[in-house]
Amino acid sequence: MSKEVIYERITKVVREQRHDTELFITLETSLRDDLEVDSIELMEFIIALEDEFGIAIPDEDVDQLDNIKDLIDYLDSRTH
């Protein structure tokens, strides 16, 4: 799966979680700061990503994921 496809799937999940189909998302978009998610919303987002990509994301890995690029790189490494 290409990083472009991963990006598209992540943005789909983000937009669904934020209930905003027009939300502008870049590689630098911060999960906590730009999207203003609290810890519960972040966990819901991670669960949605796990479902979308068919993988488990350990809690300790979540702390390392600050922005969309981090997510893409992480998911790319886990789905190959």
Protein backbone atom coordinates (compact mmCIF):
# COMPACT_ATOMS: atom_id res chain seq x y z
CA MET A 1 0.00 0.00 0.00
CA SER A 2 1.44 3.37 -0.98
CA LYS A 3 1.87 6.27 1.42
CA GLU A 4 -0.64 8.21 -0.68
CA VAL A 5 -3.29 5.56 -0.09
CA ILE A 6 -2.47 5.51 3.62
CA TYR A 7 -2.82 9.32 3.71
CA GLU A 8 -6.20 9.14 1.98
CA ARG A 9 -7.46 6.49 4.39
CA ILE A 10 -6.18 8.43 7.43
CA THR A 11 -7.83 11.66 6.26
CA LYS A 12 -11.09 9.76 5.70
CA VAL A 13 -10.99 8.50 9.28
CA VAL A 14 -10.06 11.93 10.67
CA ARG A 15 -12.90 13.61 8.79
CA GLU A 16 -15.37 10.97 9.98
CA GLN A 17 -14.19 11.30 13.58
CA ARG A 18 -14.35 15.11 13.48
CA HIS A 19 -17.68 15.09 11.55
CA ASP A 20 -16.18 17.49 8.99
CA THR A 21 -15.89 16.23 5.40
CA GLU A 22 -14.14 19.44 4.33
CA LEU A 23 -11.47 19.44 7.06
CA PHE A 24 -8.09 20.53 5.63
CA ILE A 25 -5.39 18.04 6.62
CA THR A 26 -1.68 18.21 5.78
CA LEU A 27 1.28 16.03 6.69
CA GLU A 28 2.10 18.51 9.45
CA THR A 29 -1.39 18.50 10.98
CA SER A 30 -0.94 17.81 14.68
CA LEU A 31 -3.34 15.32 16.18
CA ARG A 32 -3.51 17.01 19.55
CA ASP A 33 -2.94 20.68 18.69
CA ASP A 34 -4.46 21.25 15.25
CA LEU A 35 -7.29 18.76 15.56
CA GLU A 36 -7.75 19.60 19.25
CA VAL A 37 -8.51 16.05 20.30
CA ASP A 38 -8.59 15.11 23.94
CA SER A 39 -7.34 11.76 25.23
CA ILE A 40 -10.70 10.03 24.76
CA GLU A 41 -11.08 11.31 21.19
CA LEU A 42 -7.51 10.27 20.45
CA MET A 43 -8.22 6.73 21.62
CA GLU A 44 -11.42 6.63 19.52
CA PHE A 45 -9.35 7.81 16.54
CA ILE A 46 -6.70 5.15 17.13
CA ILE A 47 -9.38 2.45 17.40
CA ALA A 48 -10.88 3.66 14.12
CA LEU A 49 -7.42 3.48 12.50
CA GLU A 50 -6.91 -0.02 13.86
CA ASP A 51 -10.21 -1.05 12.29
CA GLU A 52 -9.42 0.73 9.00
CA PHE A 53 -5.98 -0.87 8.65
CA GLY A 54 -6.60 -4.19 10.42
CA ILE A 55 -3.75 -3.76 12.90
CA ALA A 56 -3.29 -3.16 16.62
CA ILE A 57 -1.55 0.03 17.73
CA PRO A 58 -0.09 -0.37 21.22
CA ASP A 59 -0.68 2.49 23.66
CA GLU A 60 3.06 3.13 23.98
CA ASP A 61 3.26 3.70 20.22
CA VAL A 62 0.44 6.27 20.29
CA ASP A 63 2.62 8.62 22.37
CA GLN A 64 5.13 8.72 19.48
CA LEU A 65 2.52 9.80 16.91
CA ASP A 66 2.31 13.58 16.85
CA ASN A 67 1.16 14.43 13.33
CA ILE A 68 -0.25 12.92 10.16
CA LYS A 69 3.22 12.24 8.71
CA ASP A 70 4.13 10.24 11.83
CA LEU A 71 0.94 8.22 11.37
CA ILE A 72 1.66 7.58 7.70
CA ASP A 73 5.22 6.42 8.41
CA TYR A 74 4.05 4.25 11.30
CA LEU A 75 1.23 2.63 9.34
CA ASP A 76 3.48 2.19 6.31
CA SER A 77 5.97 0.27 8.44
CA ARG A 78 3.21 -1.85 10.01
CA THR A 79 1.34 -2.73 6.81
CA HIS A 80 4.29 -3.97 4.72
